[in-house]
Amino acid sequence: MKDGVAPSYLWITETRAGGMLAFLEERFPDIAGPTWAERLARGDVVDAQGALLAADSHVRQGMRIWYYRELENETPIPFEESILFQDEHLLVVDKPHFLPMIPTGRFLRETLLVRLKQKFDLPHLTPIHRLDRETAGVVIFSHNLATRGTYQSMFQKRTEAAFRERLELANHDLAEAAAADRGWDRETLEGATRRVYAEQRGAEPAQLLLVEVLDRPGTEDDFAVFHVEGEGRRETLTLGRRDGEWVLEALK
């Protein structure tokens, strides 16, 4: 791994004369010749045994060569991911809009996977599932080879409820700390939520789970995000103080 980027490889299907530099220039015509010459000189192109390849190295059928993909003038993406949870098996993040999941096309370092590999020095990091580039949301990564298959199997068998429960409990702990930092306590928040919920919806929620405490953009108000389960449905609500009153809103 180099700056979060994993090496790429290429199988050579036929023996070619002229040396490795000539082969690479022909195989990748969109990459300028000086670029490949510089990569070879830096030792960034190797064979399957890790031996450095030079410009005049032989090109033989059956060889597998490894190299690092590079992009010149990659456009920075001005949106940052946030870390929701991490343990010895998983890394869970909130992916922003417009950030690609993995290197592809014109995106390399400005991808969620490469950013996280570089930030946390996790060479074995792999997404358990994926989101489109335009989509924001929670993404779960595995960084433990010994348990990766188990978590991948859970998703394949559609048992992601275990992930959600684990993530919500982790968020619950973080939310309590954030609420305490603002001088709120969980009992007060849950009591207010139950009362306002009953007043506005006419029924007591069966279960409340505090998952987040946030600032309301553009104001001095804070608000809490709850998952509410009851009456055969699940809602996500925000509860906050506005002009001295508790205000409950559905989170769209």
C-alpha atoms as a PDB file:
ATOM      1  CA  MET A   1       0.000   0.000   0.000  1.00  0.00           C
ATOM      2  CA  LYS A   2       1.283   3.459  -0.917  1.00  0.00           C
ATOM      3  CA  ASP A   3      -0.469   6.508   0.582  1.00  0.00           C
ATOM      4  CA  GLY A   4      -3.629   4.440   0.967  1.00  0.00           C
ATOM      5  CA  VAL A   5      -3.565   3.145  -2.620  1.00  0.00           C
ATOM      6  CA  ALA A   6      -3.336  -0.611  -3.159  1.00  0.00           C
ATOM      7  CA  PRO A   7      -1.199  -1.852  -6.061  1.00  0.00           C
ATOM      8  CA  SER A   8      -2.757  -2.915  -9.355  1.00  0.00           C
ATOM      9  CA  TYR A   9      -1.522  -5.859 -11.401  1.00  0.00           C
ATOM     10  CA  LEU A  10      -1.410  -6.939 -15.022  1.00  0.00           C
ATOM     11  CA  TRP A  11      -1.009 -10.425 -16.507  1.00  0.00           C
ATOM     12  CA  ILE A  12       1.160 -10.499 -19.618  1.00  0.00           C
ATOM     13  CA  THR A  13      -0.360 -12.837 -22.190  1.00  0.00           C
ATOM     14  CA  GLU A  14       2.454 -12.977 -24.744  1.00  0.00           C
ATOM     15  CA  THR A  15       6.195 -12.514 -24.928  1.00  0.00           C
ATOM     16  CA  ARG A  16       7.164  -9.155 -26.379  1.00  0.00           C
ATOM     17  CA  ALA A  17      10.436  -7.701 -27.623  1.00  0.00           C
ATOM     18  CA  GLY A  18      11.610  -4.183 -26.886  1.00  0.00           C
ATOM     19  CA  GLY A  19      11.649  -4.167 -23.095  1.00  0.00           C
ATOM     20  CA  MET A  20       9.226  -3.282 -20.312  1.00  0.00           C
ATOM     21  CA  LEU A  21       9.057   0.473 -20.939  1.00  0.00           C
ATOM     22  CA  ALA A  22       8.050   0.030 -24.568  1.00  0.00           C
ATOM     23  CA  PHE A  23       5.439  -2.562 -23.555  1.00  0.00           C
ATOM     24  CA  LEU A  24       3.881  -0.321 -20.896  1.00  0.00           C
ATOM     25  CA  GLU A  25       3.781   2.682 -23.229  1.00  0.00           C
ATOM     26  CA  GLU A  26       1.962   0.573 -25.824  1.00  0.00           C
ATOM     27  CA  ARG A  27      -0.338  -1.095 -23.279  1.00  0.00           C
ATOM     28  CA  PHE A  28      -1.345   2.208 -21.673  1.00  0.00           C
ATOM     29  CA  PRO A  29      -1.301   4.775 -24.518  1.00  0.00           C
ATOM     30  CA  ASP A  30      -3.095   7.431 -22.437  1.00  0.00           C
ATOM     31  CA  ILE A  31      -0.184   7.568 -19.984  1.00  0.00           C
ATOM     32  CA  ALA A  32       2.780   9.599 -21.187  1.00  0.00           C
ATOM     33  CA  GLY A  33       6.082   7.785 -21.729  1.00  0.00           C
ATOM     34  CA  PRO A  34       8.050   9.873 -19.203  1.00  0.00           C
ATOM     35  CA  THR A  35       5.544   8.832 -16.546  1.00  0.00           C
ATOM     36  CA  TRP A  36       6.291   5.127 -16.983  1.00  0.00           C
ATOM     37  CA  ALA A  37      10.019   5.812 -17.186  1.00  0.00           C
ATOM     38  CA  GLU A  38       9.804   7.675 -13.866  1.00  0.00           C
ATOM     39  CA  ARG A  39       7.791   4.879 -12.229  1.00  0.00           C
ATOM     40  CA  LEU A  40      10.307   2.254 -13.349  1.00  0.00           C
ATOM     41  CA  ALA A  41      13.194   4.393 -12.129  1.00  0.00           C
ATOM     42  CA  ARG A  42      11.501   4.831  -8.715  1.00  0.00           C
ATOM     43  CA  GLY A  43      11.025   1.077  -8.350  1.00  0.00           C
ATOM     44  CA  ASP A  44       7.236   1.336  -8.496  1.00  0.00           C
ATOM     45  CA  VAL A  45       6.860  -1.528 -11.005  1.00  0.00           C
ATOM     46  CA  VAL A  46       7.746  -5.047  -9.799  1.00  0.00           C
ATOM     47  CA  ASP A  47       7.156  -8.656 -10.772  1.00  0.00           C
ATOM     48  CA  ALA A  48       5.220 -11.291  -8.788  1.00  0.00           C
ATOM     49  CA  GLN A  49       8.252 -11.966  -6.581  1.00  0.00           C
ATOM     50  CA  GLY A  50       8.719  -8.282  -5.793  1.00  0.00           C
ATOM     51  CA  ALA A  51      11.796  -7.860  -7.982  1.00  0.00           C
ATOM     52  CA  LEU A  52      12.174  -4.372  -9.439  1.00  0.00           C
ATOM     53  CA  LEU A  53      11.592  -4.088 -13.170  1.00  0.00           C
ATOM     54  CA  ALA A  54      13.624  -1.754 -15.363  1.00  0.00           C
ATOM     55  CA  ALA A  55      12.982  -0.129 -18.711  1.00  0.00           C
ATOM     56  CA  ASP A  56      14.868  -2.921 -20.502  1.00  0.00           C
ATOM     57  CA  SER A  57      13.454  -5.841 -18.459  1.00  0.00           C
ATOM     58  CA  HIS A  58      12.199  -8.771 -20.540  1.00  0.00           C
ATOM     59  CA  VAL A  59       8.471  -9.071 -21.194  1.00  0.00           C
ATOM     60  CA  ARG A  60       7.516 -12.751 -20.983  1.00  0.00           C
ATOM     61  CA  GLN A  61       4.219 -14.582 -21.376  1.00  0.00           C
ATOM     62  CA  GLY A  62       2.729 -15.535 -18.001  1.00  0.00           C
ATOM     63  CA  MET A  63       4.395 -12.730 -16.066  1.00  0.00           C
ATOM     64  CA  ARG A  64       2.337 -10.750 -13.570  1.00  0.00           C
ATOM     65  CA  ILE A  65       3.560  -7.234 -12.924  1.00  0.00           C
ATOM     66  CA  TRP A  66       2.476  -4.942 -10.118  1.00  0.00           C
ATOM     67  CA  TYR A  67       2.331  -1.144 -10.239  1.00  0.00           C
ATOM     68  CA  TYR A  68       0.668   1.763  -8.491  1.00  0.00           C
ATOM     69  CA  ARG A  69      -1.996   3.663 -10.336  1.00  0.00           C
ATOM     70  CA  GLU A  70      -1.474   7.418 -10.423  1.00  0.00           C
ATOM     71  CA  LEU A  71      -3.672  10.348 -11.407  1.00  0.00           C
ATOM     72  CA  GLU A  72      -2.362  13.782 -12.234  1.00  0.00           C
ATOM     73  CA  ASN A  73      -4.321  16.813 -11.023  1.00  0.00           C
ATOM     74  CA  GLU A  74      -7.083  14.847  -9.295  1.00  0.00           C
ATOM     75  CA  THR A  75      -9.855  17.248  -8.273  1.00  0.00           C
ATOM     76  CA  PRO A  76     -10.328  17.443  -4.484  1.00  0.00           C
ATOM     77  CA  ILE A  77     -13.815  16.582  -3.208  1.00  0.00           C
ATOM     78  CA  PRO A  78     -14.714  19.137  -0.495  1.00  0.00           C
ATOM     79  CA  PHE A  79     -16.835  16.804   1.632  1.00  0.00           C
ATOM     80  CA  GLU A  80     -15.558  14.846   4.611  1.00  0.00           C
ATOM     81  CA  GLU A  81     -16.605  11.478   5.962  1.00  0.00           C
ATOM     82  CA  SER A  82     -17.257  11.064   9.693  1.00  0.00           C
ATOM     83  CA  ILE A  83     -16.361   8.064  11.825  1.00  0.00           C
ATOM     84  CA  LEU A  84     -19.295   6.482  13.658  1.00  0.00           C
ATOM     85  CA  PHE A  85     -17.775   3.342  15.146  1.00  0.00           C
ATOM     86  CA  GLN A  86     -14.549   1.344  15.200  1.00  0.00           C
ATOM     87  CA  ASP A  87     -13.432  -1.869  16.881  1.00  0.00           C
ATOM     88  CA  GLU A  88     -11.014  -4.686  16.123  1.00  0.00           C
ATOM     89  CA  HIS A  89     -13.238  -5.956  13.302  1.00  0.00           C
ATOM     90  CA  LEU A  90     -15.188  -3.072  11.755  1.00  0.00           C
ATOM     91  CA  LEU A  91     -14.932   0.568  10.806  1.00  0.00           C
ATOM     92  CA  VAL A  92     -18.284   2.313  10.292  1.00  0.00           C
ATOM     93  CA  VAL A  93     -18.415   5.704   8.611  1.00  0.00           C
ATOM     94  CA  ASP A  94     -20.965   8.221   7.372  1.00  0.00           C
ATOM     95  CA  LYS A  95     -20.183   8.772   3.680  1.00  0.00           C
ATOM     96  CA  PRO A  96     -20.938  12.228   2.277  1.00  0.00           C
ATOM     97  CA  HIS A  97     -22.641  12.869  -1.039  1.00  0.00           C
ATOM     98  CA  PHE A  98     -20.485  12.791  -4.195  1.00  0.00           C
ATOM     99  CA  LEU A  99     -17.567  10.869  -2.683  1.00  0.00           C
ATOM    100  CA  PRO A 100     -16.866   7.623  -4.600  1.00  0.00           C
ATOM    101  CA  MET A 101     -16.537   4.439  -2.587  1.00  0.00           C
ATOM    102  CA  ILE A 102     -13.487   2.937  -4.337  1.00  0.00           C
ATOM    103  CA  PRO A 103     -10.931   4.016  -6.961  1.00  0.00           C
ATOM    104  CA  THR A 104     -12.410   4.058 -10.439  1.00  0.00           C
ATOM    105  CA  GLY A 105     -11.962   6.162 -13.570  1.00  0.00           C
ATOM    106  CA  ARG A 106     -10.983   9.714 -12.673  1.00  0.00           C
ATOM    107  CA  PHE A 107     -11.141   9.073  -8.927  1.00  0.00           C
ATOM    108  CA  LEU A 108      -8.251   7.575  -6.950  1.00  0.00           C
ATOM    109  CA  ARG A 109      -7.174   9.264  -3.720  1.00  0.00           C
ATOM    110  CA  GLU A 110     -10.434  11.211  -3.480  1.00  0.00           C
ATOM    111  CA  THR A 111     -12.383   8.043  -2.644  1.00  0.00           C
ATOM    112  CA  LEU A 112     -13.714   6.828   0.682  1.00  0.00           C
ATOM    113  CA  LEU A 113     -11.645   3.630   0.718  1.00  0.00           C
ATOM    114  CA  VAL A 114      -8.301   5.308  -0.012  1.00  0.00           C
ATOM    115  CA  ARG A 115      -8.966   8.154   2.422  1.00  0.00           C
ATOM    116  CA  LEU A 116      -9.682   5.699   5.236  1.00  0.00           C
ATOM    117  CA  LYS A 117      -6.752   3.419   4.426  1.00  0.00           C
ATOM    118  CA  GLN A 118      -4.413   6.384   4.518  1.00  0.00           C
ATOM    119  CA  LYS A 119      -5.946   7.957   7.632  1.00  0.00           C
ATOM    120  CA  PHE A 120      -6.021   4.792   9.748  1.00  0.00           C
ATOM    121  CA  ASP A 121      -3.195   2.793   8.130  1.00  0.00           C
ATOM    122  CA  LEU A 122      -5.494  -0.165   7.480  1.00  0.00           C
ATOM    123  CA  PRO A 123      -4.132  -2.020   4.418  1.00  0.00           C
ATOM    124  CA  HIS A 124      -6.793  -4.771   4.603  1.00  0.00           C
ATOM    125  CA  LEU A 125      -9.771  -2.399   4.756  1.00  0.00           C
ATOM    126  CA  THR A 126     -12.630  -3.570   2.526  1.00  0.00           C
ATOM    127  CA  PRO A 127     -16.240  -2.352   2.256  1.00  0.00           C
ATOM    128  CA  ILE A 128     -18.854  -4.917   3.289  1.00  0.00           C
ATOM    129  CA  HIS A 129     -21.373  -3.163   1.036  1.00  0.00           C
ATOM    130  CA  ARG A 130     -21.385  -0.128  -1.239  1.00  0.00           C
ATOM    131  CA  LEU A 131     -23.249   3.092  -1.953  1.00  0.00           C
ATOM    132  CA  ASP A 132     -23.375   5.079  -5.188  1.00  0.00           C
ATOM    133  CA  ARG A 133     -21.131   8.117  -5.491  1.00  0.00           C
ATOM    134  CA  GLU A 134     -24.088  10.494  -5.264  1.00  0.00           C
ATOM    135  CA  THR A 135     -25.540   8.742  -2.211  1.00  0.00           C
ATOM    136  CA  ALA A 136     -24.724   9.681   1.383  1.00  0.00           C
ATOM    137  CA  GLY A 137     -25.148   7.198   4.209  1.00  0.00           C
ATOM    138  CA  VAL A 138     -23.635   4.681   6.578  1.00  0.00           C
ATOM    139  CA  VAL A 139     -20.977   2.343   5.149  1.00  0.00           C
ATOM    140  CA  ILE A 140     -19.480  -0.618   7.011  1.00  0.00           C
ATOM    141  CA  PHE A 141     -15.886  -1.701   6.371  1.00  0.00           C
ATOM    142  CA  SER A 142     -14.041  -4.795   7.531  1.00  0.00           C
ATOM    143  CA  HIS A 143     -10.358  -4.502   8.440  1.00  0.00           C
ATOM    144  CA  ASN A 144      -9.862  -7.930  10.043  1.00  0.00           C
ATOM    145  CA  LEU A 145      -9.132 -10.752   7.593  1.00  0.00           C
ATOM    146  CA  ALA A 146     -10.069 -13.399  10.167  1.00  0.00           C
ATOM    147  CA  THR A 147     -13.662 -12.189  10.557  1.00  0.00           C
ATOM    148  CA  ARG A 148     -14.329 -10.575   7.177  1.00  0.00           C
ATOM    149  CA  GLY A 149     -16.079 -13.633   5.741  1.00  0.00           C
ATOM    150  CA  THR A 150     -18.487 -13.764   8.675  1.00  0.00           C
ATOM    151  CA  TYR A 151     -19.613 -10.175   8.220  1.00  0.00           C
ATOM    152  CA  GLN A 152     -19.849 -10.503   4.445  1.00  0.00           C
ATOM    153  CA  SER A 153     -21.995 -13.612   4.922  1.00  0.00           C
ATOM    154  CA  MET A 154     -24.290 -11.728   7.290  1.00  0.00           C
ATOM    155  CA  PHE A 155     -24.963  -9.145   4.621  1.00  0.00           C
ATOM    156  CA  GLN A 156     -25.402 -11.719   1.900  1.00  0.00           C
ATOM    157  CA  LYS A 157     -27.967 -13.473   4.084  1.00  0.00           C
ATOM    158  CA  ARG A 158     -29.666 -10.145   4.784  1.00  0.00           C
ATOM    159  CA  THR A 159     -29.015 -10.224   8.514  1.00  0.00           C
ATOM    160  CA  GLU A 160     -27.826  -6.619   8.634  1.00  0.00           C
ATOM    161  CA  ALA A 161     -30.099  -6.001  11.647  1.00  0.00           C
ATOM    162  CA  ALA A 162     -27.175  -7.053  13.843  1.00  0.00           C
ATOM    163  CA  PHE A 163     -25.056  -4.310  12.304  1.00  0.00           C
ATOM    164  CA  ARG A 164     -27.751  -1.715  12.814  1.00  0.00           C
ATOM    165  CA  GLU A 165     -28.206  -2.660  16.456  1.00  0.00           C
ATOM    166  CA  ARG A 166     -24.457  -2.517  17.080  1.00  0.00           C
ATOM    167  CA  LEU A 167     -24.142   0.848  15.365  1.00  0.00           C
ATOM    168  CA  GLU A 168     -27.141   2.339  17.162  1.00  0.00           C
ATOM    169  CA  LEU A 169     -25.790   1.269  20.531  1.00  0.00           C
ATOM    170  CA  ALA A 170     -22.453   2.857  19.705  1.00  0.00           C
ATOM    171  CA  ASN A 171     -24.228   6.039  18.602  1.00  0.00           C
ATOM    172  CA  HIS A 172     -26.306   5.928  21.776  1.00  0.00           C
ATOM    173  CA  ASP A 173     -23.148   6.109  23.905  1.00  0.00           C
ATOM    174  CA  LEU A 174     -21.782   9.008  21.838  1.00  0.00           C
ATOM    175  CA  ALA A 175     -25.142  10.796  21.976  1.00  0.00           C
ATOM    176  CA  GLU A 176     -25.312  10.542  25.752  1.00  0.00           C
ATOM    177  CA  ALA A 177     -21.853  12.095  26.016  1.00  0.00           C
ATOM    178  CA  ALA A 178     -22.835  14.905  23.645  1.00  0.00           C
ATOM    179  CA  ALA A 179     -26.068  15.541  25.545  1.00  0.00           C
ATOM    180  CA  ALA A 180     -24.218  15.637  28.860  1.00  0.00           C
ATOM    181  CA  ASP A 181     -21.772  18.136  27.381  1.00  0.00           C
ATOM    182  CA  ARG A 182     -24.740  20.434  26.694  1.00  0.00           C
ATOM    183  CA  GLY A 183     -26.105  20.042  30.192  1.00  0.00           C
ATOM    184  CA  TRP A 184     -28.888  17.684  29.082  1.00  0.00           C
ATOM    185  CA  ASP A 185     -29.433  14.249  30.531  1.00  0.00           C
ATOM    186  CA  ARG A 186     -30.963  11.208  28.869  1.00  0.00           C
ATOM    187  CA  GLU A 187     -33.867  10.889  31.319  1.00  0.00           C
ATOM    188  CA  THR A 188     -34.913  14.496  30.709  1.00  0.00           C
ATOM    189  CA  LEU A 189     -34.703  14.081  26.947  1.00  0.00           C
ATOM    190  CA  GLU A 190     -36.602  10.789  26.902  1.00  0.00           C
ATOM    191  CA  GLY A 191     -39.212  12.104  29.296  1.00  0.00           C
ATOM    192  CA  ALA A 192     -39.749  15.191  27.142  1.00  0.00           C
ATOM    193  CA  THR A 193     -39.883  13.077  24.006  1.00  0.00           C
ATOM    194  CA  ARG A 194     -42.518  10.758  25.459  1.00  0.00           C
ATOM    195  CA  ARG A 195     -44.628  13.685  26.649  1.00  0.00           C
ATOM    196  CA  VAL A 196     -44.431  15.659  23.411  1.00  0.00           C
ATOM    197  CA  TYR A 197     -44.939  12.507  21.357  1.00  0.00           C
ATOM    198  CA  ALA A 198     -48.075  11.661  23.336  1.00  0.00           C
ATOM    199  CA  GLU A 199     -49.379  15.213  22.998  1.00  0.00           C
ATOM    200  CA  GLN A 200     -48.822  15.405  19.247  1.00  0.00           C
ATOM    201  CA  ARG A 201     -49.577  11.807  18.273  1.00  0.00           C
ATOM    202  CA  GLY A 202     -51.862  10.681  21.049  1.00  0.00           C
ATOM    203  CA  ALA A 203     -49.923   7.566  22.100  1.00  0.00           C
ATOM    204  CA  GLU A 204     -46.919   6.640  24.212  1.00  0.00           C
ATOM    205  CA  PRO A 205     -43.925   5.331  22.191  1.00  0.00           C
ATOM    206  CA  ALA A 206     -42.911   1.842  23.223  1.00  0.00           C
ATOM    207  CA  GLN A 207     -39.158   2.391  22.936  1.00  0.00           C
ATOM    208  CA  LEU A 208     -36.819   5.329  22.534  1.00  0.00           C
ATOM    209  CA  LEU A 209     -33.194   5.223  21.461  1.00  0.00           C
ATOM    210  CA  LEU A 210     -31.118   8.395  21.589  1.00  0.00           C
ATOM    211  CA  VAL A 211     -28.770   8.230  18.605  1.00  0.00           C
ATOM    212  CA  GLU A 212     -27.395  11.718  18.054  1.00  0.00           C
ATOM    213  CA  VAL A 213     -27.181  15.244  19.450  1.00  0.00           C
ATOM    214  CA  LEU A 214     -26.589  17.967  16.885  1.00  0.00           C
ATOM    215  CA  ASP A 215     -26.462  21.698  16.346  1.00  0.00           C
ATOM    216  CA  ARG A 216     -29.258  23.175  14.281  1.00  0.00           C
ATOM    217  CA  PRO A 217     -27.480  24.899  11.360  1.00  0.00           C
ATOM    218  CA  GLY A 218     -27.734  28.680  11.376  1.00  0.00           C
ATOM    219  CA  THR A 219     -29.128  28.886  14.896  1.00  0.00           C
ATOM    220  CA  GLU A 220     -27.999  28.544  18.486  1.00  0.00           C
ATOM    221  CA  ASP A 221     -30.397  25.642  19.045  1.00  0.00           C
ATOM    222  CA  ASP A 222     -29.377  22.073  19.801  1.00  0.00           C
ATOM    223  CA  PHE A 223     -31.553  19.064  19.117  1.00  0.00           C
ATOM    224  CA  ALA A 224     -31.501  15.344  19.757  1.00  0.00           C
ATOM    225  CA  VAL A 225     -32.252  12.585  17.255  1.00  0.00           C
ATOM    226  CA  PHE A 226     -34.264   9.595  18.494  1.00  0.00           C
ATOM    227  CA  HIS A 227     -35.342   6.324  16.971  1.00  0.00           C
ATOM    228  CA  VAL A 228     -38.867   5.661  18.182  1.00  0.00           C
ATOM    229  CA  GLU A 229     -40.442   2.216  17.966  1.00  0.00           C
ATOM    230  CA  GLY A 230     -44.055   1.533  18.815  1.00  0.00           C
ATOM    231  CA  GLU A 231     -47.539   1.017  17.400  1.00  0.00           C
ATOM    232  CA  GLY A 232     -46.093  -1.289  14.768  1.00  0.00           C
ATOM    233  CA  ARG A 233     -43.898   1.345  13.165  1.00  0.00           C
ATOM    234  CA  ARG A 234     -40.502   2.974  13.477  1.00  0.00           C
ATOM    235  CA  GLU A 235     -39.825   6.687  13.244  1.00  0.00           C
ATOM    236  CA  THR A 236     -36.815   8.951  13.443  1.00  0.00           C
ATOM    237  CA  LEU A 237     -37.597  12.169  15.283  1.00  0.00           C
ATOM    238  CA  THR A 238     -35.758  15.250  16.451  1.00  0.00           C
ATOM    239  CA  LEU A 239     -36.487  16.888  19.798  1.00  0.00           C
ATOM    240  CA  GLY A 240     -35.171  20.345  20.564  1.00  0.00           C
ATOM    241  CA  ARG A 241     -35.767  23.522  22.507  1.00  0.00           C
ATOM    242  CA  ARG A 242     -37.197  26.415  20.544  1.00  0.00           C
ATOM    243  CA  ASP A 243     -38.227  29.629  22.310  1.00  0.00           C
ATOM    244  CA  GLY A 244     -38.197  27.728  25.579  1.00  0.00           C
ATOM    245  CA  GLU A 245     -40.523  24.969  24.345  1.00  0.00           C
ATOM    246  CA  TRP A 246     -39.812  21.370  23.382  1.00  0.00           C
ATOM    247  CA  VAL A 247     -40.458  20.858  19.670  1.00  0.00           C
ATOM    248  CA  LEU A 248     -40.747  17.378  18.134  1.00  0.00           C
ATOM    249  CA  GLU A 249     -40.311  16.924  14.379  1.00  0.00           C
ATOM    250  CA  ALA A 250     -40.125  13.969  12.034  1.00  0.00           C
ATOM    251  CA  LEU A 251     -36.703  13.656  10.440  1.00  0.00           C
ATOM    252  CA  LYS A 252     -37.129  13.500   6.685  1.00  0.00           C
END
